[in-house]
Amino acid sequence: MKKLTKSITVLLTVLFIYAQFPVSAEVGDVTLLWSKNCQKCHGKDGKGNTKSGKMFKVKDLTDAEYLESLKDEQMHKSIKEGMVVDGKTKMKPFADKLTDEEITALIAFVREFSE
């Protein structure tokens, strides 16, 4: 019985701590979305210094000037529909993998790279 009481006390303490300092599920989800869908080309840090990033000549998403030139709607369309430049696919479409809400969250995540 003492062991059960101690386990319950520890569990309640952990729950209390998490209630005081909540971890944002959205941030965790966006990080997972990024690593699953974007990181291969854009890199963990958004700089595009990956084998695929160099092959497709992806832009450095930490470049504040470049990001300022992009409107959210433009980014949303590029993620959803993909990008074709001079008849070559530069980015595949993610409409079948990501919801509009997930794309919006990824855009906000990308905007943080330049801060």
PDB file of N, CA and C in Angstrom:
ATOM      1  N   MET A   1       0.820  -1.200   0.000  1.00  0.00           N
ATOM      2  CA  MET A   1       0.000   0.000   0.000  1.00  0.00           C
ATOM      3  C   MET A   1       0.862   1.261   0.000  1.00  0.00           C
ATOM      4  N   LYS A   2       1.988   1.220   0.750  1.00  0.00           N
ATOM      5  CA  LYS A   2       2.878   2.372   0.790  1.00  0.00           C
ATOM      6  C   LYS A   2       3.439   2.661  -0.600  1.00  0.00           C
ATOM      7  N   LYS A   3       3.764   1.603  -1.349  1.00  0.00           N
ATOM      8  CA  LYS A   3       4.330   1.763  -2.677  1.00  0.00           C
ATOM      9  C   LYS A   3       3.313   2.424  -3.616  1.00  0.00           C
ATOM     10  N   LEU A   4       2.052   2.029  -3.517  1.00  0.00           N
ATOM     11  CA  LEU A   4       0.993   2.602  -4.329  1.00  0.00           C
ATOM     12  C   LEU A   4       0.783   4.075  -3.977  1.00  0.00           C
ATOM     13  N   THR A   5       0.792   4.386  -2.699  1.00  0.00           N
ATOM     14  CA  THR A   5       0.617   5.768  -2.251  1.00  0.00           C
ATOM     15  C   THR A   5       1.765   6.637  -2.756  1.00  0.00           C
ATOM     16  N   LYS A   6       2.983   6.099  -2.690  1.00  0.00           N
ATOM     17  CA  LYS A   6       4.141   6.841  -3.167  1.00  0.00           C
ATOM     18  C   LYS A   6       4.040   7.072  -4.678  1.00  0.00           C
ATOM     19  N   SER A   7       3.610   6.076  -5.440  1.00  0.00           N
ATOM     20  CA  SER A   7       3.460   6.208  -6.895  1.00  0.00           C
ATOM     21  C   SER A   7       2.414   7.253  -7.243  1.00  0.00           C
ATOM     22  N   ILE A   8       1.320   7.249  -6.518  1.00  0.00           N
ATOM     23  CA  ILE A   8       0.263   8.230  -6.760  1.00  0.00           C
ATOM     24  C   ILE A   8       0.765   9.628  -6.434  1.00  0.00           C
ATOM     25  N   THR A   9       1.515   9.772  -5.371  1.00  0.00           N
ATOM     26  CA  THR A   9       2.072  11.065  -4.984  1.00  0.00           C
ATOM     27  C   THR A   9       3.016  11.586  -6.068  1.00  0.00           C
ATOM     28  N   VAL A  10       3.864  10.718  -6.591  1.00  0.00           N
ATOM     29  CA  VAL A  10       4.799  11.114  -7.645  1.00  0.00           C
ATOM     30  C   VAL A  10       4.020  11.531  -8.898  1.00  0.00           C
ATOM     31  N   LEU A  11       3.022  10.744  -9.278  1.00  0.00           N
ATOM     32  CA  LEU A  11       2.207  11.059 -10.442  1.00  0.00           C
ATOM     33  C   LEU A  11       1.506  12.405 -10.284  1.00  0.00           C
ATOM     34  N   LEU A  12       0.916  12.652  -9.127  1.00  0.00           N
ATOM     35  CA  LEU A  12       0.229  13.919  -8.880  1.00  0.00           C
ATOM     36  C   LEU A  12       1.208  15.092  -8.911  1.00  0.00           C
ATOM     37  N   THR A  13       2.403  14.894  -8.399  1.00  0.00           N
ATOM     38  CA  THR A  13       3.421  15.938  -8.427  1.00  0.00           C
ATOM     39  C   THR A  13       3.800  16.285  -9.868  1.00  0.00           C
ATOM     40  N   VAL A  14       4.017  15.253 -10.686  1.00  0.00           N
ATOM     41  CA  VAL A  14       4.362  15.470 -12.096  1.00  0.00           C
ATOM     42  C   VAL A  14       3.232  16.201 -12.807  1.00  0.00           C
ATOM     43  N   LEU A  15       2.004  15.766 -12.591  1.00  0.00           N
ATOM     44  CA  LEU A  15       0.854  16.419 -13.211  1.00  0.00           C
ATOM     45  C   LEU A  15       0.734  17.878 -12.768  1.00  0.00           C
ATOM     46  N   PHE A  16       1.007  18.138 -11.509  1.00  0.00           N
ATOM     47  CA  PHE A  16       0.955  19.502 -10.995  1.00  0.00           C
ATOM     48  C   PHE A  16       2.005  20.376 -11.688  1.00  0.00           C
ATOM     49  N   ILE A  17       3.198  19.850 -11.846  1.00  0.00           N
ATOM     50  CA  ILE A  17       4.270  20.611 -12.495  1.00  0.00           C
ATOM     51  C   ILE A  17       3.895  20.918 -13.943  1.00  0.00           C
ATOM     52  N   TYR A  18       3.393  19.924 -14.665  1.00  0.00           N
ATOM     53  CA  TYR A  18       2.993  20.156 -16.056  1.00  0.00           C
ATOM     54  C   TYR A  18       1.835  21.139 -16.161  1.00  0.00           C
ATOM     55  N   ALA A  19       0.962  21.143 -15.179  1.00  0.00           N
ATOM     56  CA  ALA A  19      -0.151  22.093 -15.191  1.00  0.00           C
ATOM     57  C   ALA A  19       0.365  23.524 -15.007  1.00  0.00           C
ATOM     58  N   GLN A  20       1.427  23.684 -14.232  1.00  0.00           N
ATOM     59  CA  GLN A  20       1.995  25.007 -13.990  1.00  0.00           C
ATOM     60  C   GLN A  20       2.802  25.516 -15.178  1.00  0.00           C
ATOM     61  N   PHE A  21       3.442  24.610 -15.884  1.00  0.00           N
ATOM     62  CA  PHE A  21       4.291  24.953 -17.015  1.00  0.00           C
ATOM     63  C   PHE A  21       3.919  24.074 -18.201  1.00  0.00           C
ATOM     64  N   PRO A  22       2.793  24.364 -18.841  1.00  0.00           N
ATOM     65  CA  PRO A  22       2.329  23.494 -19.920  1.00  0.00           C
ATOM     66  C   PRO A  22       3.281  23.484 -21.108  1.00  0.00           C
ATOM     67  N   VAL A  23       3.415  22.330 -21.695  1.00  0.00           N
ATOM     68  CA  VAL A  23       4.204  22.172 -22.901  1.00  0.00           C
ATOM     69  C   VAL A  23       3.241  22.328 -24.068  1.00  0.00           C
ATOM     70  N   SER A  24       3.586  23.175 -24.994  1.00  0.00           N
ATOM     71  CA  SER A  24       2.700  23.411 -26.128  1.00  0.00           C
ATOM     72  C   SER A  24       2.693  22.210 -27.049  1.00  0.00           C
ATOM     73  N   ALA A  25       1.542  21.579 -27.190  1.00  0.00           N
ATOM     74  CA  ALA A  25       1.403  20.445 -28.099  1.00  0.00           C
ATOM     75  C   ALA A  25       1.621  20.906 -29.534  1.00  0.00           C
ATOM     76  N   GLU A  26       1.196  22.138 -29.838  1.00  0.00           N
ATOM     77  CA  GLU A  26       1.327  22.647 -31.198  1.00  0.00           C
ATOM     78  C   GLU A  26       2.787  22.727 -31.617  1.00  0.00           C
ATOM     79  N   VAL A  27       3.638  23.225 -30.740  1.00  0.00           N
ATOM     80  CA  VAL A  27       5.053  23.336 -31.073  1.00  0.00           C
ATOM     81  C   VAL A  27       5.638  21.961 -31.311  1.00  0.00           C
ATOM     82  N   GLY A  28       5.320  21.018 -30.466  1.00  0.00           N
ATOM     83  CA  GLY A  28       5.804  19.659 -30.655  1.00  0.00           C
ATOM     84  C   GLY A  28       5.300  19.071 -31.952  1.00  0.00           C
ATOM     85  N   ASP A  29       4.043  19.286 -32.273  1.00  0.00           N
ATOM     86  CA  ASP A  29       3.460  18.776 -33.506  1.00  0.00           C
ATOM     87  C   ASP A  29       4.113  19.417 -34.726  1.00  0.00           C
ATOM     88  N   VAL A  30       4.349  20.706 -34.661  1.00  0.00           N
ATOM     89  CA  VAL A  30       4.961  21.406 -35.793  1.00  0.00           C
ATOM     90  C   VAL A  30       6.390  20.922 -35.990  1.00  0.00           C
ATOM     91  N   THR A  31       7.111  20.730 -34.922  1.00  0.00           N
ATOM     92  CA  THR A  31       8.475  20.223 -35.022  1.00  0.00           C
ATOM     93  C   THR A  31       8.471  18.845 -35.666  1.00  0.00           C
ATOM     94  N   LEU A  32       7.523  18.013 -35.281  1.00  0.00           N
ATOM     95  CA  LEU A  32       7.394  16.690 -35.883  1.00  0.00           C
ATOM     96  C   LEU A  32       7.022  16.798 -37.355  1.00  0.00           C
ATOM     97  N   LEU A  33       6.084  17.680 -37.684  1.00  0.00           N
ATOM     98  CA  LEU A  33       5.704  17.893 -39.082  1.00  0.00           C
ATOM     99  C   LEU A  33       6.915  18.343 -39.902  1.00  0.00           C
ATOM    100  N   TRP A  34       7.674  19.264 -39.339  1.00  0.00           N
ATOM    101  CA  TRP A  34       8.871  19.768 -40.028  1.00  0.00           C
ATOM    102  C   TRP A  34       9.855  18.634 -40.281  1.00  0.00           C
ATOM    103  N   SER A  35      10.171  17.870 -39.241  1.00  0.00           N
ATOM    104  CA  SER A  35      11.173  16.815 -39.394  1.00  0.00           C
ATOM    105  C   SER A  35      10.695  15.721 -40.350  1.00  0.00           C
ATOM    106  N   LYS A  36       9.420  15.477 -40.373  1.00  0.00           N
ATOM    107  CA  LYS A  36       8.850  14.419 -41.213  1.00  0.00           C
ATOM    108  C   LYS A  36       8.717  14.847 -42.679  1.00  0.00           C
ATOM    109  N   ASN A  37       8.391  16.101 -42.924  1.00  0.00           N
ATOM    110  CA  ASN A  37       8.052  16.540 -44.279  1.00  0.00           C
ATOM    111  C   ASN A  37       9.017  17.526 -44.927  1.00  0.00           C
ATOM    112  N   CYS A  38       9.745  18.273 -44.143  1.00  0.00           N
ATOM    113  CA  CYS A  38      10.514  19.400 -44.691  1.00  0.00           C
ATOM    114  C   CYS A  38      12.023  19.291 -44.484  1.00  0.00           C
ATOM    115  N   GLN A  39      12.406  18.653 -43.426  1.00  0.00           N
ATOM    116  CA  GLN A  39      13.804  18.660 -42.991  1.00  0.00           C
ATOM    117  C   GLN A  39      14.756  18.023 -43.998  1.00  0.00           C
ATOM    118  N   LYS A  40      14.300  17.040 -44.746  1.00  0.00           N
ATOM    119  CA  LYS A  40      15.182  16.361 -45.695  1.00  0.00           C
ATOM    120  C   LYS A  40      15.805  17.359 -46.679  1.00  0.00           C
ATOM    121  N   CYS A  41      15.017  18.321 -47.124  1.00  0.00           N
ATOM    122  CA  CYS A  41      15.533  19.324 -48.073  1.00  0.00           C
ATOM    123  C   CYS A  41      15.982  20.608 -47.379  1.00  0.00           C
ATOM    124  N   HIS A  42      15.179  21.097 -46.455  1.00  0.00           N
ATOM    125  CA  HIS A  42      15.437  22.392 -45.838  1.00  0.00           C
ATOM    126  C   HIS A  42      16.371  22.317 -44.639  1.00  0.00           C
ATOM    127  N   GLY A  43      16.634  21.118 -44.145  1.00  0.00           N
ATOM    128  CA  GLY A  43      17.509  20.951 -42.996  1.00  0.00           C
ATOM    129  C   GLY A  43      16.794  21.244 -41.695  1.00  0.00           C
ATOM    130  N   LYS A  44      17.363  20.770 -40.623  1.00  0.00           N
ATOM    131  CA  LYS A  44      16.782  20.982 -39.296  1.00  0.00           C
ATOM    132  C   LYS A  44      16.679  22.466 -38.971  1.00  0.00           C
ATOM    133  N   ASP A  45      17.678  23.234 -39.428  1.00  0.00           N
ATOM    134  CA  ASP A  45      17.759  24.655 -39.107  1.00  0.00           C
ATOM    135  C   ASP A  45      17.155  25.567 -40.174  1.00  0.00           C
ATOM    136  N   GLY A  46      16.660  24.989 -41.286  1.00  0.00           N
ATOM    137  CA  GLY A  46      16.037  25.790 -42.326  1.00  0.00           C
ATOM    138  C   GLY A  46      16.993  26.395 -43.337  1.00  0.00           C
ATOM    139  N   LYS A  47      18.278  26.109 -43.219  1.00  0.00           N
ATOM    140  CA  LYS A  47      19.261  26.723 -44.116  1.00  0.00           C
ATOM    141  C   LYS A  47      19.380  26.020 -45.466  1.00  0.00           C
ATOM    142  N   GLY A  48      18.863  24.800 -45.555  1.00  0.00           N
ATOM    143  CA  GLY A  48      18.913  24.076 -46.819  1.00  0.00           C
ATOM    144  C   GLY A  48      20.243  23.428 -47.128  1.00  0.00           C
ATOM    145  N   ASN A  49      21.105  23.306 -46.131  1.00  0.00           N
ATOM    146  CA  ASN A  49      22.420  22.705 -46.324  1.00  0.00           C
ATOM    147  C   ASN A  49      22.348  21.183 -46.202  1.00  0.00           C
ATOM    148  N   THR A  50      21.522  20.587 -47.045  1.00  0.00           N
ATOM    149  CA  THR A  50      21.390  19.131 -47.087  1.00  0.00           C
ATOM    150  C   THR A  50      21.682  18.694 -48.520  1.00  0.00           C
ATOM    151  N   LYS A  51      21.882  17.415 -48.706  1.00  0.00           N
ATOM    152  CA  LYS A  51      22.135  16.901 -50.053  1.00  0.00           C
ATOM    153  C   LYS A  51      20.967  17.259 -50.974  1.00  0.00           C
ATOM    154  N   SER A  52      19.743  16.999 -50.517  1.00  0.00           N
ATOM    155  CA  SER A  52      18.556  17.315 -51.322  1.00  0.00           C
ATOM    156  C   SER A  52      18.384  18.815 -51.480  1.00  0.00           C
ATOM    157  N   GLY A  53      18.645  19.552 -50.420  1.00  0.00           N
ATOM    158  CA  GLY A  53      18.515  21.007 -50.475  1.00  0.00           C
ATOM    159  C   GLY A  53      19.435  21.625 -51.500  1.00  0.00           C
ATOM    160  N   LYS A  54      20.650  21.130 -51.553  1.00  0.00           N
ATOM    161  CA  LYS A  54      21.622  21.642 -52.528  1.00  0.00           C
ATOM    162  C   LYS A  54      21.222  21.237 -53.948  1.00  0.00           C
ATOM    163  N   MET A  55      20.721  20.001 -54.096  1.00  0.00           N
ATOM    164  CA  MET A  55      20.315  19.524 -55.412  1.00  0.00           C
ATOM    165  C   MET A  55      19.160  20.363 -55.972  1.00  0.00           C
ATOM    166  N   PHE A  56      18.201  20.708 -55.105  1.00  0.00           N
ATOM    167  CA  PHE A  56      17.045  21.478 -55.549  1.00  0.00           C
ATOM    168  C   PHE A  56      17.227  22.984 -55.379  1.00  0.00           C
ATOM    169  N   LYS A  57      18.394  23.369 -54.880  1.00  0.00           N
ATOM    170  CA  LYS A  57      18.724  24.790 -54.684  1.00  0.00           C
ATOM    171  C   LYS A  57      17.667  25.513 -53.854  1.00  0.00           C
ATOM    172  N   VAL A  58      17.351  24.927 -52.691  1.00  0.00           N
ATOM    173  CA  VAL A  58      16.341  25.539 -51.826  1.00  0.00           C
ATOM    174  C   VAL A  58      16.904  26.818 -51.205  1.00  0.00           C
ATOM    175  N   LYS A  59      16.012  27.719 -50.919  1.00  0.00           N
ATOM    176  CA  LYS A  59      16.401  28.998 -50.323  1.00  0.00           C
ATOM    177  C   LYS A  59      16.692  28.831 -48.835  1.00  0.00           C
ATOM    178  N   ASP A  60      17.541  29.672 -48.326  1.00  0.00           N
ATOM    179  CA  ASP A  60      17.878  29.717 -46.901  1.00  0.00           C
ATOM    180  C   ASP A  60      16.719  30.371 -46.152  1.00  0.00           C
ATOM    181  N   LEU A  61      15.998  29.583 -45.380  1.00  0.00           N
ATOM    182  CA  LEU A  61      14.825  30.092 -44.658  1.00  0.00           C
ATOM    183  C   LEU A  61      15.194  30.862 -43.393  1.00  0.00           C
ATOM    184  N   THR A  62      16.485  31.021 -43.137  1.00  0.00           N
ATOM    185  CA  THR A  62      16.907  31.867 -42.020  1.00  0.00           C
ATOM    186  C   THR A  62      17.206  33.289 -42.502  1.00  0.00           C
ATOM    187  N   ASP A  63      17.143  33.486 -43.809  1.00  0.00           N
ATOM    188  CA  ASP A  63      17.413  34.789 -44.415  1.00  0.00           C
ATOM    189  C   ASP A  63      16.180  35.675 -44.239  1.00  0.00           C
ATOM    190  N   ALA A  64      16.262  36.615 -43.317  1.00  0.00           N
ATOM    191  CA  ALA A  64      15.121  37.482 -42.989  1.00  0.00           C
ATOM    192  C   ALA A  64      14.631  38.260 -44.202  1.00  0.00           C
ATOM    193  N   GLU A  65      15.543  38.744 -45.017  1.00  0.00           N
ATOM    194  CA  GLU A  65      15.163  39.515 -46.204  1.00  0.00           C
ATOM    195  C   GLU A  65      14.353  38.643 -47.175  1.00  0.00           C
ATOM    196  N   TYR A  66      14.792  37.416 -47.368  1.00  0.00           N
ATOM    197  CA  TYR A  66      14.057  36.502 -48.256  1.00  0.00           C
ATOM    198  C   TYR A  66      12.671  36.213 -47.689  1.00  0.00           C
ATOM    199  N   LEU A  67      12.604  35.912 -46.393  1.00  0.00           N
ATOM    200  CA  LEU A  67      11.307  35.597 -45.791  1.00  0.00           C
ATOM    201  C   LEU A  67      10.352  36.784 -45.830  1.00  0.00           C
ATOM    202  N   GLU A  68      10.885  37.974 -45.668  1.00  0.00           N
ATOM    203  CA  GLU A  68      10.037  39.176 -45.742  1.00  0.00           C
ATOM    204  C   GLU A  68       9.419  39.331 -47.121  1.00  0.00           C
ATOM    205  N   SER A  69      10.109  38.836 -48.135  1.00  0.00           N
ATOM    206  CA  SER A  69       9.597  38.971 -49.505  1.00  0.00           C
ATOM    207  C   SER A  69       8.456  37.986 -49.796  1.00  0.00           C
ATOM    208  N   LEU A  70       8.288  36.999 -48.944  1.00  0.00           N
ATOM    209  CA  LEU A  70       7.240  35.994 -49.141  1.00  0.00           C
ATOM    210  C   LEU A  70       6.005  36.308 -48.318  1.00  0.00           C
ATOM    211  N   LYS A  71       4.874  36.245 -48.949  1.00  0.00           N
ATOM    212  CA  LYS A  71       3.600  36.400 -48.243  1.00  0.00           C
ATOM    213  C   LYS A  71       3.157  35.021 -47.769  1.00  0.00           C
ATOM    214  N   ASP A  72       2.436  34.985 -46.669  1.00  0.00           N
ATOM    215  CA  ASP A  72       1.957  33.715 -46.134  1.00  0.00           C
ATOM    216  C   ASP A  72       1.137  32.936 -47.158  1.00  0.00           C
ATOM    217  N   GLU A  73       0.305  33.648 -47.908  1.00  0.00           N
ATOM    218  CA  GLU A  73      -0.537  32.993 -48.917  1.00  0.00           C
ATOM    219  C   GLU A  73       0.322  32.306 -49.975  1.00  0.00           C
ATOM    220  N   GLN A  74       1.400  32.961 -50.359  1.00  0.00           N
ATOM    221  CA  GLN A  74       2.326  32.422 -51.348  1.00  0.00           C
ATOM    222  C   GLN A  74       2.994  31.155 -50.807  1.00  0.00           C
ATOM    223  N   MET A  75       3.428  31.210 -49.553  1.00  0.00           N
ATOM    224  CA  MET A  75       4.063  30.046 -48.935  1.00  0.00           C
ATOM    225  C   MET A  75       3.064  28.892 -48.825  1.00  0.00           C
ATOM    226  N   HIS A  76       1.840  29.224 -48.425  1.00  0.00           N
ATOM    227  CA  HIS A  76       0.795  28.218 -48.272  1.00  0.00           C
ATOM    228  C   HIS A  76       0.558  27.495 -49.600  1.00  0.00           C
ATOM    229  N   LYS A  77       0.447  28.272 -50.664  1.00  0.00           N
ATOM    230  CA  LYS A  77       0.212  27.698 -51.988  1.00  0.00           C
ATOM    231  C   LYS A  77       1.382  26.814 -52.417  1.00  0.00           C
ATOM    232  N   SER A  78       2.606  27.265 -52.168  1.00  0.00           N
ATOM    233  CA  SER A  78       3.784  26.493 -52.552  1.00  0.00           C
ATOM    234  C   SER A  78       3.845  25.158 -51.809  1.00  0.00           C
ATOM    235  N   ILE A  79       3.522  25.182 -50.530  1.00  0.00           N
ATOM    236  CA  ILE A  79       3.545  23.945 -49.745  1.00  0.00           C
ATOM    237  C   ILE A  79       2.427  23.018 -50.206  1.00  0.00           C
ATOM    238  N   LYS A  80       1.266  23.575 -50.374  1.00  0.00           N
ATOM    239  CA  LYS A  80       0.092  22.762 -50.725  1.00  0.00           C
ATOM    240  C   LYS A  80       0.195  22.200 -52.152  1.00  0.00           C
ATOM    241  N   GLU A  81       0.545  23.057 -53.107  1.00  0.00           N
ATOM    242  CA  GLU A  81       0.530  22.668 -54.514  1.00  0.00           C
ATOM    243  C   GLU A  81       1.892  22.277 -55.069  1.00  0.00           C
ATOM    244  N   GLY A  82       2.952  22.534 -54.309  1.00  0.00           N
ATOM    245  CA  GLY A  82       4.294  22.251 -54.792  1.00  0.00           C
ATOM    246  C   GLY A  82       4.822  23.413 -55.606  1.00  0.00           C
ATOM    247  N   MET A  83       6.043  23.264 -56.073  1.00  0.00           N
ATOM    248  CA  MET A  83       6.670  24.320 -56.872  1.00  0.00           C
ATOM    249  C   MET A  83       7.318  23.713 -58.107  1.00  0.00           C
ATOM    250  N   VAL A  84       7.012  24.285 -59.259  1.00  0.00           N
ATOM    251  CA  VAL A  84       7.629  23.893 -60.522  1.00  0.00           C
ATOM    252  C   VAL A  84       8.258  25.142 -61.108  1.00  0.00           C
ATOM    253  N   VAL A  85       9.559  25.066 -61.390  1.00  0.00           N
ATOM    254  CA  VAL A  85      10.289  26.196 -61.958  1.00  0.00           C
ATOM    255  C   VAL A  85      10.950  25.712 -63.245  1.00  0.00           C
ATOM    256  N   ASP A  86      10.696  26.423 -64.322  1.00  0.00           N
ATOM    257  CA  ASP A  86      11.244  26.063 -65.634  1.00  0.00           C
ATOM    258  C   ASP A  86      10.959  24.600 -65.986  1.00  0.00           C
ATOM    259  N   GLY A  87       9.753  24.172 -65.681  1.00  0.00           N
ATOM    260  CA  GLY A  87       9.335  22.811 -66.009  1.00  0.00           C
ATOM    261  C   GLY A  87       9.890  21.727 -65.108  1.00  0.00           C
ATOM    262  N   LYS A  88      10.649  22.121 -64.080  1.00  0.00           N
ATOM    263  CA  LYS A  88      11.238  21.150 -63.155  1.00  0.00           C
ATOM    264  C   LYS A  88      10.598  21.277 -61.785  1.00  0.00           C
ATOM    265  N   THR A  89      10.261  20.138 -61.191  1.00  0.00           N
ATOM    266  CA  THR A  89       9.673  20.137 -59.853  1.00  0.00           C
ATOM    267  C   THR A  89      10.753  20.497 -58.848  1.00  0.00           C
ATOM    268  N   LYS A  90      10.539  21.605 -58.146  1.00  0.00           N
ATOM    269  CA  LYS A  90      11.471  22.051 -57.109  1.00  0.00           C
ATOM    270  C   LYS A  90      11.001  21.601 -55.731  1.00  0.00           C
ATOM    271  N   MET A  91       9.673  21.456 -55.592  1.00  0.00           N
ATOM    272  CA  MET A  91       9.114  20.971 -54.327  1.00  0.00           C
ATOM    273  C   MET A  91       7.822  20.226 -54.657  1.00  0.00           C
ATOM    274  N   LYS A  92       7.712  19.037 -54.096  1.00  0.00           N
ATOM    275  CA  LYS A  92       6.500  18.264 -54.346  1.00  0.00           C
ATOM    276  C   LYS A  92       5.335  18.850 -53.551  1.00  0.00           C
ATOM    277  N   PRO A  93       4.114  18.621 -54.010  1.00  0.00           N
ATOM    278  CA  PRO A  93       2.949  19.130 -53.276  1.00  0.00           C
ATOM    279  C   PRO A  93       2.679  18.303 -52.018  1.00  0.00           C
ATOM    280  N   PHE A  94       2.188  18.972 -51.001  1.00  0.00           N
ATOM    281  CA  PHE A  94       1.884  18.306 -49.739  1.00  0.00           C
ATOM    282  C   PHE A  94       0.395  18.337 -49.412  1.00  0.00           C
ATOM    283  N   ALA A  95      -0.448  18.649 -50.410  1.00  0.00           N
ATOM    284  CA  ALA A  95      -1.895  18.729 -50.190  1.00  0.00           C
ATOM    285  C   ALA A  95      -2.465  17.418 -49.653  1.00  0.00           C
ATOM    286  N   ASP A  96      -1.884  16.300 -50.057  1.00  0.00           N
ATOM    287  CA  ASP A  96      -2.389  15.007 -49.613  1.00  0.00           C
ATOM    288  C   ASP A  96      -1.797  14.553 -48.275  1.00  0.00           C
ATOM    289  N   LYS A  97      -0.828  15.297 -47.757  1.00  0.00           N
ATOM    290  CA  LYS A  97      -0.174  14.915 -46.498  1.00  0.00           C
ATOM    291  C   LYS A  97      -0.444  15.884 -45.356  1.00  0.00           C
ATOM    292  N   LEU A  98      -0.697  17.146 -45.680  1.00  0.00           N
ATOM    293  CA  LEU A  98      -0.849  18.171 -44.651  1.00  0.00           C
ATOM    294  C   LEU A  98      -2.183  18.886 -44.788  1.00  0.00           C
ATOM    295  N   THR A  99      -2.795  19.165 -43.662  1.00  0.00           N
ATOM    296  CA  THR A  99      -4.036  19.954 -43.665  1.00  0.00           C
ATOM    297  C   THR A  99      -3.676  21.427 -43.795  1.00  0.00           C
ATOM    298  N   ASP A 100      -4.671  22.242 -44.089  1.00  0.00           N
ATOM    299  CA  ASP A 100      -4.440  23.690 -44.156  1.00  0.00           C
ATOM    300  C   ASP A 100      -3.919  24.225 -42.826  1.00  0.00           C
ATOM    301  N   GLU A 101      -4.437  23.698 -41.718  1.00  0.00           N
ATOM    302  CA  GLU A 101      -3.990  24.131 -40.386  1.00  0.00           C
ATOM    303  C   GLU A 101      -2.538  23.759 -40.154  1.00  0.00           C
ATOM    304  N   GLU A 102      -2.136  22.573 -40.591  1.00  0.00           N
ATOM    305  CA  GLU A 102      -0.744  22.154 -40.427  1.00  0.00           C
ATOM    306  C   GLU A 102       0.177  23.018 -41.290  1.00  0.00           C
ATOM    307  N   ILE A 103      -0.260  23.343 -42.488  1.00  0.00           N
ATOM    308  CA  ILE A 103       0.543  24.208 -43.361  1.00  0.00           C
ATOM    309  C   ILE A 103       0.698  25.592 -42.736  1.00  0.00           C
ATOM    310  N   THR A 104      -0.383  26.117 -42.181  1.00  0.00           N
ATOM    311  CA  THR A 104      -0.330  27.423 -41.510  1.00  0.00           C
ATOM    312  C   THR A 104       0.642  27.375 -40.327  1.00  0.00           C
ATOM    313  N   ALA A 105       0.608  26.292 -39.571  1.00  0.00           N
ATOM    314  CA  ALA A 105       1.529  26.136 -38.436  1.00  0.00           C
ATOM    315  C   ALA A 105       2.974  26.048 -38.917  1.00  0.00           C
ATOM    316  N   LEU A 106       3.209  25.354 -40.024  1.00  0.00           N
ATOM    317  CA  LEU A 106       4.566  25.260 -40.572  1.00  0.00           C
ATOM    318  C   LEU A 106       5.070  26.623 -41.048  1.00  0.00           C
ATOM    319  N   ILE A 107       4.188  27.412 -41.621  1.00  0.00           N
ATOM    320  CA  ILE A 107       4.589  28.757 -42.067  1.00  0.00           C
ATOM    321  C   ILE A 107       5.028  29.594 -40.866  1.00  0.00           C
ATOM    322  N   ALA A 108       4.278  29.534 -39.784  1.00  0.00           N
ATOM    323  CA  ALA A 108       4.664  30.267 -38.565  1.00  0.00           C
ATOM    324  C   ALA A 108       5.989  29.741 -38.031  1.00  0.00           C
ATOM    325  N   PHE A 109       6.191  28.436 -38.100  1.00  0.00           N
ATOM    326  CA  PHE A 109       7.440  27.800 -37.654  1.00  0.00           C
ATOM    327  C   PHE A 109       8.610  28.309 -38.496  1.00  0.00           C
ATOM    328  N   VAL A 110       8.429  28.364 -39.801  1.00  0.00           N
ATOM    329  CA  VAL A 110       9.476  28.841 -40.707  1.00  0.00           C
ATOM    330  C   VAL A 110       9.796  30.306 -40.432  1.00  0.00           C
ATOM    331  N   ARG A 111       8.796  31.098 -40.169  1.00  0.00           N
ATOM    332  CA  ARG A 111       9.018  32.519 -39.889  1.00  0.00           C
ATOM    333  C   ARG A 111       9.911  32.714 -38.661  1.00  0.00           C
ATOM    334  N   GLU A 112       9.904  31.771 -37.751  1.00  0.00           N
ATOM    335  CA  GLU A 112      10.742  31.866 -36.545  1.00  0.00           C
ATOM    336  C   GLU A 112      12.215  31.629 -36.850  1.00  0.00           C
ATOM    337  N   PHE A 113      12.539  31.016 -37.968  1.00  0.00           N
ATOM    338  CA  PHE A 113      13.951  30.784 -38.318  1.00  0.00           C
ATOM    339  C   PHE A 113      14.736  32.082 -38.450  1.00  0.00           C
ATOM    340  N   SER A 114      14.083  33.136 -38.913  1.00  0.00           N
ATOM    341  CA  SER A 114      14.810  34.380 -39.156  1.00  0.00           C
ATOM    342  C   SER A 114      14.853  35.299 -37.942  1.00  0.00           C
ATOM    343  N   GLU A 115      14.249  34.879 -36.852  1.00  0.00           N
ATOM    344  CA  GLU A 115      14.213  35.744 -35.656  1.00  0.00           C
ATOM    345  C   GLU A 115      15.452  35.579 -34.807  1.00  0.00           C
TER     346      GLU A 115
END
